[in-house]
Protein backbone atom coordinates (compact mmCIF):
# COMPACT_ATOMS: atom_id res chain seq x y z
CA MET A 1 97.94 72.59 76.58
CA ALA A 2 101.34 70.91 76.65
CA LYS A 3 99.80 67.72 75.23
CA PHE A 4 98.25 69.62 72.36
CA LYS A 5 101.58 71.16 71.42
CA MET A 6 103.31 67.77 71.66
CA LYS A 7 100.79 66.18 69.24
CA ASP A 8 101.21 69.05 66.77
CA LEU A 9 104.96 68.67 67.03
CA GLN A 10 104.69 64.92 66.37
CA ARG A 11 102.51 65.52 63.29
CA TRP A 12 104.94 68.08 61.90
CA LEU A 13 107.86 65.79 62.62
CA ILE A 14 106.22 62.91 60.77
CA PHE A 15 105.35 65.22 57.87
CA VAL A 16 108.92 66.57 57.66
CA LEU A 17 110.45 63.08 57.87
CA PHE A 18 108.25 61.59 55.16
CA LEU A 19 108.29 64.58 52.80
CA PRO A 20 111.59 63.55 51.15
CA LEU A 21 110.21 60.02 50.65
CA SER A 22 107.30 61.35 48.61
CA SER A 23 109.62 61.91 45.65
CA VAL A 24 110.75 58.30 45.96
CA LEU A 25 107.15 57.16 45.81
CA CYS A 26 106.75 59.08 42.53
CA PHE A 27 110.00 57.68 41.13
CA SER A 28 109.67 56.37 37.60
CA GLU A 29 112.19 53.70 36.76
CA LEU A 30 114.26 54.38 33.66
CA SER A 31 115.00 51.25 31.64
CA PHE A 32 116.10 50.17 28.20
CA ILE A 33 113.62 48.59 25.82
CA THR A 34 116.37 48.01 23.24
CA GLU A 35 120.13 48.30 23.73
CA PRO A 36 122.68 48.55 20.93
CA SER A 37 124.32 45.33 19.78
CA ASP A 38 127.49 44.62 17.82
CA VAL A 39 127.32 45.59 14.14
CA THR A 40 129.61 44.83 11.20
CA ALA A 41 129.31 47.14 8.19
CA LEU A 42 131.04 47.78 4.91
CA PRO A 43 132.78 51.10 4.21
CA LYS A 44 130.49 53.68 2.57
CA GLU A 45 127.39 51.66 3.55
CA ALA A 46 124.78 52.65 6.16
CA ALA A 47 124.59 51.35 9.74
CA VAL A 48 122.01 51.62 12.53
CA LEU A 49 122.67 51.15 16.24
CA ASP A 50 119.37 50.66 18.05
CA CYS A 51 118.52 52.21 21.41
CA GLN A 52 115.12 52.74 23.01
CA ALA A 53 114.42 53.64 26.63
CA HIS A 54 111.31 53.85 28.78
CA GLY A 55 110.64 56.07 31.77
CA GLN A 56 108.88 59.17 33.02
CA PRO A 57 108.86 61.65 30.10
CA PRO A 58 110.71 63.45 28.82
CA VAL A 59 113.32 60.76 28.16
CA THR A 60 116.35 61.88 26.16
CA ILE A 61 118.97 59.69 24.51
CA LYS A 62 122.52 60.76 23.70
CA TRP A 63 125.29 58.69 22.14
CA LEU A 64 128.92 58.06 23.08
CA LYS A 65 131.73 56.66 20.94
CA ASN A 66 134.69 55.27 22.86
CA GLY A 67 133.38 57.10 25.95
CA VAL A 68 133.13 60.54 24.27
CA HIS A 69 129.78 62.26 23.61
CA LEU A 70 128.80 62.42 19.94
CA ALA A 71 127.36 65.54 18.38
CA GLU A 72 124.51 65.09 15.95
CA SER A 73 125.49 65.90 12.35
CA GLU A 74 124.76 64.83 8.79
CA HIS A 75 127.18 61.99 9.37
CA MET A 76 125.80 60.92 12.79
CA GLN A 77 122.01 61.21 12.96
CA PHE A 78 119.93 60.62 16.10
CA LEU A 79 116.62 59.07 15.09
CA PRO A 80 113.36 59.99 16.90
CA ASN A 81 113.21 56.51 18.51
CA GLY A 82 116.70 57.02 20.02
CA SER A 83 118.69 54.95 17.52
CA LEU A 84 121.89 56.17 15.87
CA TYR A 85 121.96 56.24 12.06
CA ILE A 86 125.25 56.51 10.16
CA PRO A 87 124.31 56.92 6.48
CA LYS A 88 127.83 56.39 5.10
CA ILE A 89 130.41 54.51 7.18
CA LYS A 90 133.82 56.20 7.19
CA HIS A 91 136.98 54.12 7.30
CA THR A 92 140.11 56.01 6.32
CA LYS A 93 143.47 56.57 8.00
CA GLU A 94 142.27 60.01 9.14
CA GLU A 95 138.75 59.10 10.21
CA SER A 96 136.93 55.90 11.11
CA ASP A 97 133.53 55.09 12.56
CA GLU A 98 134.88 51.84 13.97
CA GLY A 99 134.74 51.72 17.77
CA PHE A 100 132.60 51.12 20.84
CA TYR A 101 129.23 52.84 21.09
CA GLN A 102 126.83 53.33 24.02
CA CYS A 103 123.59 55.21 24.43
CA LEU A 104 122.92 57.34 27.49
CA SER A 105 119.29 57.71 28.52
CA LYS A 106 118.19 60.48 30.90
CA ASN A 107 115.06 61.81 32.53
CA LYS A 108 114.45 64.05 35.54
CA TYR A 109 115.05 61.13 37.92
CA GLY A 110 118.43 60.00 36.65
CA ALA A 111 120.42 58.43 33.85
CA ILE A 112 121.39 54.95 32.65
CA LEU A 113 124.14 53.86 30.30
CA SER A 114 123.64 50.98 27.87
CA GLN A 115 125.92 48.04 27.27
CA ARG A 116 128.81 48.67 24.87
CA SER A 117 128.35 47.68 21.28
CA ARG A 118 131.15 47.39 18.79
CA LEU A 119 130.93 48.75 15.27
CA THR A 120 133.37 46.81 13.11
CA ILE A 121 134.22 47.86 9.57
CA ALA A 122 134.44 44.85 7.28
CA LYS A 123 137.47 44.74 5.04
CA VAL A 124 136.81 43.67 1.49
CA ALA A 125 139.67 41.62 0.10
CA VAL A 126 140.18 41.39 -3.63
CA LEU A 127 141.36 37.93 -4.46
CA ALA A 128 143.64 37.43 -7.43
CA ASP A 129 142.32 35.04 -10.02
CA GLN A 130 144.47 31.97 -9.54
CA SER A 131 142.33 29.53 -11.44
CA VAL A 132 144.07 27.26 -13.90
CA GLN A 133 143.08 27.91 -17.45
CA ALA A 134 142.56 24.66 -19.29
CA THR A 135 143.76 24.62 -22.85
CA PRO A 136 141.40 22.61 -24.98
CA THR A 137 142.99 19.63 -26.64
CA ILE A 138 141.67 18.52 -29.98
CA TYR A 139 142.25 14.94 -31.05
CA ILE A 140 142.08 14.18 -34.70
CA THR A 141 141.58 10.56 -35.49
CA ASP A 142 141.63 8.88 -38.81
CA VAL A 143 138.43 7.00 -39.21
CA THR A 144 138.55 4.53 -42.09
CA ASP A 145 135.89 2.07 -43.08
């Protein structure tokens, strides 16, 4: 009878030891299909930062600017594919969209953070017209036969 109890104990011990590993066997790797890259945009123009992730659903994507979570708004729109759409780039002394952006992808198994991408606002310089105006010179010649 002691042998029977020992075998049952061994089976339960094996079951208890390998039970936590079963979740590892079901683990679904979370990975990026597309990560954001550096973008240069003009003020008041639109910009898109791409981000797509793959993993065990549901996969959610959130965005960070300079390490701070962004809230979705009319100005910062999260597209269904995970990308960030900024319909009208802001670049004033009070407010600017320029900075470093990252997407954060999560599922029930964990989270991954993308590479940093820099959104640069292009500055449009107005050049003064410094071209030399040529004054036409008219030569009058006396043509005699």
